Amino acid sequence: MKTKKVKRSLRIELNSIDQITSIVLGYLTYHAGKLWNEANYLVKNKIAKPNKFDLYNKL
């Protein structure tokens, strides 16, 4: 029987930050998510090996 791995995330809400910081954090988190999805796709489809050097070269 194949077991599934559960991936969890931590969500933090920042209440007292200025608008520029909010925009920068939104930009960074959006692109980090896109990068994660791209790397996950490459590893699952065996296009890249799950080591930082191969992923770095492909991304």
PDB file of N, CA and C in Angstrom:
ATOM      1  N   MET A   1       0.840  -1.176   0.000  1.00  0.00           N
ATOM      2  CA  MET A   1       0.000   0.000   0.000  1.00  0.00           C
ATOM      3  C   MET A   1       0.890   1.247   0.000  1.00  0.00           C
ATOM      4  N   LYS A   2       0.565   2.190  -0.828  1.00  0.00           N
ATOM      5  CA  LYS A   2       1.342   3.417  -0.951  1.00  0.00           C
ATOM      6  C   LYS A   2       0.832   4.460   0.050  1.00  0.00           C
ATOM      7  N   THR A   3       1.759   5.052   0.781  1.00  0.00           N
ATOM      8  CA  THR A   3       1.363   6.080   1.751  1.00  0.00           C
ATOM      9  C   THR A   3       1.585   7.455   1.162  1.00  0.00           C
ATOM     10  N   LYS A   4       0.742   8.378   1.532  1.00  0.00           N
ATOM     11  CA  LYS A   4       0.868   9.754   1.065  1.00  0.00           C
ATOM     12  C   LYS A   4       1.536  10.593   2.133  1.00  0.00           C
ATOM     13  N   LYS A   5       2.417  11.479   1.706  1.00  0.00           N
ATOM     14  CA  LYS A   5       3.045  12.403   2.631  1.00  0.00           C
ATOM     15  C   LYS A   5       2.172  13.646   2.747  1.00  0.00           C
ATOM     16  N   VAL A   6       2.025  14.132   3.947  1.00  0.00           N
ATOM     17  CA  VAL A   6       1.226  15.320   4.193  1.00  0.00           C
ATOM     18  C   VAL A   6       2.154  16.515   4.292  1.00  0.00           C
ATOM     19  N   LYS A   7       1.862  17.544   3.526  1.00  0.00           N
ATOM     20  CA  LYS A   7       2.637  18.777   3.580  1.00  0.00           C
ATOM     21  C   LYS A   7       1.830  19.815   4.329  1.00  0.00           C
ATOM     22  N   ARG A   8       2.453  20.453   5.271  1.00  0.00           N
ATOM     23  CA  ARG A   8       1.763  21.451   6.078  1.00  0.00           C
ATOM     24  C   ARG A   8       2.427  22.798   5.897  1.00  0.00           C
ATOM     25  N   SER A   9       1.680  23.824   6.141  1.00  0.00           N
ATOM     26  CA  SER A   9       2.236  25.168   6.055  1.00  0.00           C
ATOM     27  C   SER A   9       1.842  25.947   7.299  1.00  0.00           C
ATOM     28  N   LEU A  10       2.586  26.980   7.545  1.00  0.00           N
ATOM     29  CA  LEU A  10       2.321  27.855   8.678  1.00  0.00           C
ATOM     30  C   LEU A  10       1.816  29.179   8.128  1.00  0.00           C
ATOM     31  N   ARG A  11       0.716  29.649   8.673  1.00  0.00           N
ATOM     32  CA  ARG A  11       0.148  30.910   8.227  1.00  0.00           C
ATOM     33  C   ARG A  11       0.266  31.927   9.352  1.00  0.00           C
ATOM     34  N   ILE A  12       0.862  33.063   9.031  1.00  0.00           N
ATOM     35  CA  ILE A  12       1.058  34.127  10.005  1.00  0.00           C
ATOM     36  C   ILE A  12       0.374  35.379   9.491  1.00  0.00           C
ATOM     37  N   GLU A  13      -0.379  36.027  10.348  1.00  0.00           N
ATOM     38  CA  GLU A  13      -1.050  37.270   9.975  1.00  0.00           C
ATOM     39  C   GLU A  13      -0.326  38.436  10.648  1.00  0.00           C
ATOM     40  N   LEU A  14       0.122  39.383   9.841  1.00  0.00           N
ATOM     41  CA  LEU A  14       0.812  40.565  10.355  1.00  0.00           C
ATOM     42  C   LEU A  14      -0.182  41.716  10.401  1.00  0.00           C
ATOM     43  N   ASN A  15      -0.402  42.260  11.572  1.00  0.00           N
ATOM     44  CA  ASN A  15      -1.418  43.289  11.736  1.00  0.00           C
ATOM     45  C   ASN A  15      -0.896  44.713  11.552  1.00  0.00           C
ATOM     46  N   SER A  16       0.284  45.008  12.046  1.00  0.00           N
ATOM     47  CA  SER A  16       0.762  46.398  12.074  1.00  0.00           C
ATOM     48  C   SER A  16       1.953  46.601  11.146  1.00  0.00           C
ATOM     49  N   ILE A  17       1.724  46.516   9.847  1.00  0.00           N
ATOM     50  CA  ILE A  17       2.808  46.787   8.899  1.00  0.00           C
ATOM     51  C   ILE A  17       2.339  47.857   7.922  1.00  0.00           C
ATOM     52  N   ASP A  18       3.302  48.586   7.386  1.00  0.00           N
ATOM     53  CA  ASP A  18       2.937  49.644   6.445  1.00  0.00           C
ATOM     54  C   ASP A  18       2.619  49.053   5.072  1.00  0.00           C
ATOM     55  N   GLN A  19       2.104  49.873   4.201  1.00  0.00           N
ATOM     56  CA  GLN A  19       1.621  49.401   2.896  1.00  0.00           C
ATOM     57  C   GLN A  19       2.761  48.893   2.019  1.00  0.00           C
ATOM     58  N   ILE A  20       3.908  49.545   2.053  1.00  0.00           N
ATOM     59  CA  ILE A  20       5.040  49.120   1.217  1.00  0.00           C
ATOM     60  C   ILE A  20       5.527  47.739   1.645  1.00  0.00           C
ATOM     61  N   THR A  21       5.640  47.516   2.950  1.00  0.00           N
ATOM     62  CA  THR A  21       6.054  46.208   3.452  1.00  0.00           C
ATOM     63  C   THR A  21       5.046  45.143   3.058  1.00  0.00           C
ATOM     64  N   SER A  22       3.780  45.466   3.130  1.00  0.00           N
ATOM     65  CA  SER A  22       2.736  44.528   2.741  1.00  0.00           C
ATOM     66  C   SER A  22       2.847  44.160   1.266  1.00  0.00           C
ATOM     67  N   ILE A  23       3.106  45.132   0.419  1.00  0.00           N
ATOM     68  CA  ILE A  23       3.244  44.881  -1.018  1.00  0.00           C
ATOM     69  C   ILE A  23       4.466  44.008  -1.292  1.00  0.00           C
ATOM     70  N   VAL A  24       5.585  44.316  -0.648  1.00  0.00           N
ATOM     71  CA  VAL A  24       6.813  43.543  -0.848  1.00  0.00           C
ATOM     72  C   VAL A  24       6.624  42.099  -0.372  1.00  0.00           C
ATOM     73  N   LEU A  25       6.034  41.915   0.806  1.00  0.00           N
ATOM     74  CA  LEU A  25       5.797  40.560   1.303  1.00  0.00           C
ATOM     75  C   LEU A  25       4.828  39.791   0.409  1.00  0.00           C
ATOM     76  N   GLY A  26       3.818  40.455  -0.106  1.00  0.00           N
ATOM     77  CA  GLY A  26       2.889  39.811  -1.028  1.00  0.00           C
ATOM     78  C   GLY A  26       3.584  39.363  -2.301  1.00  0.00           C
ATOM     79  N   TYR A  27       4.452  40.230  -2.829  1.00  0.00           N
ATOM     80  CA  TYR A  27       5.215  39.907  -4.034  1.00  0.00           C
ATOM     81  C   TYR A  27       6.128  38.702  -3.785  1.00  0.00           C
ATOM     82  N   LEU A  28       6.850  38.727  -2.666  1.00  0.00           N
ATOM     83  CA  LEU A  28       7.784  37.643  -2.366  1.00  0.00           C
ATOM     84  C   LEU A  28       7.071  36.318  -2.138  1.00  0.00           C
ATOM     85  N   THR A  29       5.967  36.336  -1.407  1.00  0.00           N
ATOM     86  CA  THR A  29       5.261  35.083  -1.149  1.00  0.00           C
ATOM     87  C   THR A  29       4.610  34.526  -2.411  1.00  0.00           C
ATOM     88  N   TYR A  30       4.114  35.392  -3.263  1.00  0.00           N
ATOM     89  CA  TYR A  30       3.520  34.942  -4.521  1.00  0.00           C
ATOM     90  C   TYR A  30       4.565  34.230  -5.380  1.00  0.00           C
ATOM     91  N   HIS A  31       5.722  34.851  -5.529  1.00  0.00           N
ATOM     92  CA  HIS A  31       6.759  34.265  -6.379  1.00  0.00           C
ATOM     93  C   HIS A  31       7.418  33.043  -5.739  1.00  0.00           C
ATOM     94  N   ALA A  32       7.491  33.002  -4.421  1.00  0.00           N
ATOM     95  CA  ALA A  32       8.003  31.800  -3.750  1.00  0.00           C
ATOM     96  C   ALA A  32       7.070  30.622  -4.013  1.00  0.00           C
ATOM     97  N   GLY A  33       5.771  30.859  -3.989  1.00  0.00           N
ATOM     98  CA  GLY A  33       4.809  29.803  -4.284  1.00  0.00           C
ATOM     99  C   GLY A  33       4.922  29.316  -5.713  1.00  0.00           C
ATOM    100  N   LYS A  34       5.093  30.245  -6.657  1.00  0.00           N
ATOM    101  CA  LYS A  34       5.255  29.858  -8.061  1.00  0.00           C
ATOM    102  C   LYS A  34       6.533  29.049  -8.265  1.00  0.00           C
ATOM    103  N   LEU A  35       7.621  29.454  -7.592  1.00  0.00           N
ATOM    104  CA  LEU A  35       8.881  28.726  -7.692  1.00  0.00           C
ATOM    105  C   LEU A  35       8.753  27.324  -7.115  1.00  0.00           C
ATOM    106  N   TRP A  36       8.060  27.197  -5.975  1.00  0.00           N
ATOM    107  CA  TRP A  36       7.822  25.889  -5.366  1.00  0.00           C
ATOM    108  C   TRP A  36       7.040  24.993  -6.328  1.00  0.00           C
ATOM    109  N   ASN A  37       5.993  25.523  -6.939  1.00  0.00           N
ATOM    110  CA  ASN A  37       5.186  24.728  -7.866  1.00  0.00           C
ATOM    111  C   ASN A  37       5.997  24.270  -9.067  1.00  0.00           C
ATOM    112  N   GLU A  38       6.831  25.143  -9.587  1.00  0.00           N
ATOM    113  CA  GLU A  38       7.668  24.795 -10.741  1.00  0.00           C
ATOM    114  C   GLU A  38       8.672  23.704 -10.368  1.00  0.00           C
ATOM    115  N   ALA A  39       9.329  23.846  -9.231  1.00  0.00           N
ATOM    116  CA  ALA A  39      10.303  22.842  -8.792  1.00  0.00           C
ATOM    117  C   ALA A  39       9.605  21.512  -8.510  1.00  0.00           C
ATOM    118  N   ASN A  40       8.446  21.557  -7.881  1.00  0.00           N
ATOM    119  CA  ASN A  40       7.683  20.347  -7.588  1.00  0.00           C
ATOM    120  C   ASN A  40       7.294  19.635  -8.881  1.00  0.00           C
ATOM    121  N   TYR A  41       6.883  20.379  -9.891  1.00  0.00           N
ATOM    122  CA  TYR A  41       6.529  19.805 -11.193  1.00  0.00           C
ATOM    123  C   TYR A  41       7.743  19.114 -11.825  1.00  0.00           C
ATOM    124  N   LEU A  42       8.896  19.778 -11.789  1.00  0.00           N
ATOM    125  CA  LEU A  42      10.100  19.207 -12.399  1.00  0.00           C
ATOM    126  C   LEU A  42      10.522  17.914 -11.707  1.00  0.00           C
ATOM    127  N   VAL A  43      10.434  17.875 -10.389  1.00  0.00           N
ATOM    128  CA  VAL A  43      10.830  16.682  -9.645  1.00  0.00           C
ATOM    129  C   VAL A  43       9.822  15.554  -9.862  1.00  0.00           C
ATOM    130  N   LYS A  44       8.531  15.857  -9.815  1.00  0.00           N
ATOM    131  CA  LYS A  44       7.512  14.807  -9.988  1.00  0.00           C
ATOM    132  C   LYS A  44       7.555  14.195 -11.374  1.00  0.00           C
ATOM    133  N   ASN A  45       7.885  14.979 -12.394  1.00  0.00           N
ATOM    134  CA  ASN A  45       7.947  14.462 -13.757  1.00  0.00           C
ATOM    135  C   ASN A  45       9.339  14.002 -14.151  1.00  0.00           C
ATOM    136  N   LYS A  46      10.225  13.913 -13.168  1.00  0.00           N
ATOM    137  CA  LYS A  46      11.598  13.411 -13.346  1.00  0.00           C
ATOM    138  C   LYS A  46      12.371  14.180 -14.406  1.00  0.00           C
ATOM    139  N   ILE A  47      12.112  15.476 -14.481  1.00  0.00           N
ATOM    140  CA  ILE A  47      12.861  16.353 -15.373  1.00  0.00           C
ATOM    141  C   ILE A  47      14.102  16.867 -14.652  1.00  0.00           C
ATOM    142  N   ALA A  48      14.013  16.996 -13.345  1.00  0.00           N
ATOM    143  CA  ALA A  48      15.138  17.445 -12.525  1.00  0.00           C
ATOM    144  C   ALA A  48      15.264  16.524 -11.319  1.00  0.00           C
ATOM    145  N   LYS A  49      16.481  16.421 -10.820  1.00  0.00           N
ATOM    146  CA  LYS A  49      16.718  15.637  -9.613  1.00  0.00           C
ATOM    147  C   LYS A  49      16.483  16.527  -8.398  1.00  0.00           C
ATOM    148  N   PRO A  50      16.032  15.930  -7.294  1.00  0.00           N
ATOM    149  CA  PRO A  50      15.734  16.752  -6.115  1.00  0.00           C
ATOM    150  C   PRO A  50      16.970  17.151  -5.326  1.00  0.00           C
ATOM    151  N   ASN A  51      17.933  17.778  -5.989  1.00  0.00           N
ATOM    152  CA  ASN A  51      19.045  18.377  -5.263  1.00  0.00           C
ATOM    153  C   ASN A  51      19.163  19.833  -5.703  1.00  0.00           C
ATOM    154  N   LYS A  52      19.696  20.649  -4.823  1.00  0.00           N
ATOM    155  CA  LYS A  52      19.649  22.092  -5.067  1.00  0.00           C
ATOM    156  C   LYS A  52      20.427  22.535  -6.300  1.00  0.00           C
ATOM    157  N   PHE A  53      21.483  21.810  -6.673  1.00  0.00           N
ATOM    158  CA  PHE A  53      22.276  22.231  -7.814  1.00  0.00           C
ATOM    159  C   PHE A  53      21.552  21.981  -9.138  1.00  0.00           C
ATOM    160  N   ASP A  54      20.899  20.816  -9.257  1.00  0.00           N
ATOM    161  CA  ASP A  54      20.160  20.522 -10.485  1.00  0.00           C
ATOM    162  C   ASP A  54      18.945  21.446 -10.613  1.00  0.00           C
ATOM    163  N   LEU A  55      18.218  21.644  -9.527  1.00  0.00           N
ATOM    164  CA  LEU A  55      17.069  22.551  -9.562  1.00  0.00           C
ATOM    165  C   LEU A  55      17.493  23.980  -9.857  1.00  0.00           C
ATOM    166  N   TYR A  56      18.619  24.403  -9.274  1.00  0.00           N
ATOM    167  CA  TYR A  56      19.122  25.758  -9.509  1.00  0.00           C
ATOM    168  C   TYR A  56      19.403  25.964 -11.001  1.00  0.00           C
ATOM    169  N   ASN A  57      20.005  24.975 -11.639  1.00  0.00           N
ATOM    170  CA  ASN A  57      20.322  25.090 -13.062  1.00  0.00           C
ATOM    171  C   ASN A  57      19.071  25.082 -13.927  1.00  0.00           C
ATOM    172  N   LYS A  58      18.053  24.330 -13.542  1.00  0.00           N
ATOM    173  CA  LYS A  58      16.841  24.243 -14.336  1.00  0.00           C
ATOM    174  C   LYS A  58      15.919  25.445 -14.114  1.00  0.00           C
ATOM    175  N   LEU A  59      15.950  26.041 -12.919  1.00  0.00           N
ATOM    176  CA  LEU A  59      15.059  27.154 -12.619  1.00  0.00           C
ATOM    177  C   LEU A  59      15.784  28.472 -12.770  1.00  0.00           C
TER     178      LEU A  59
END
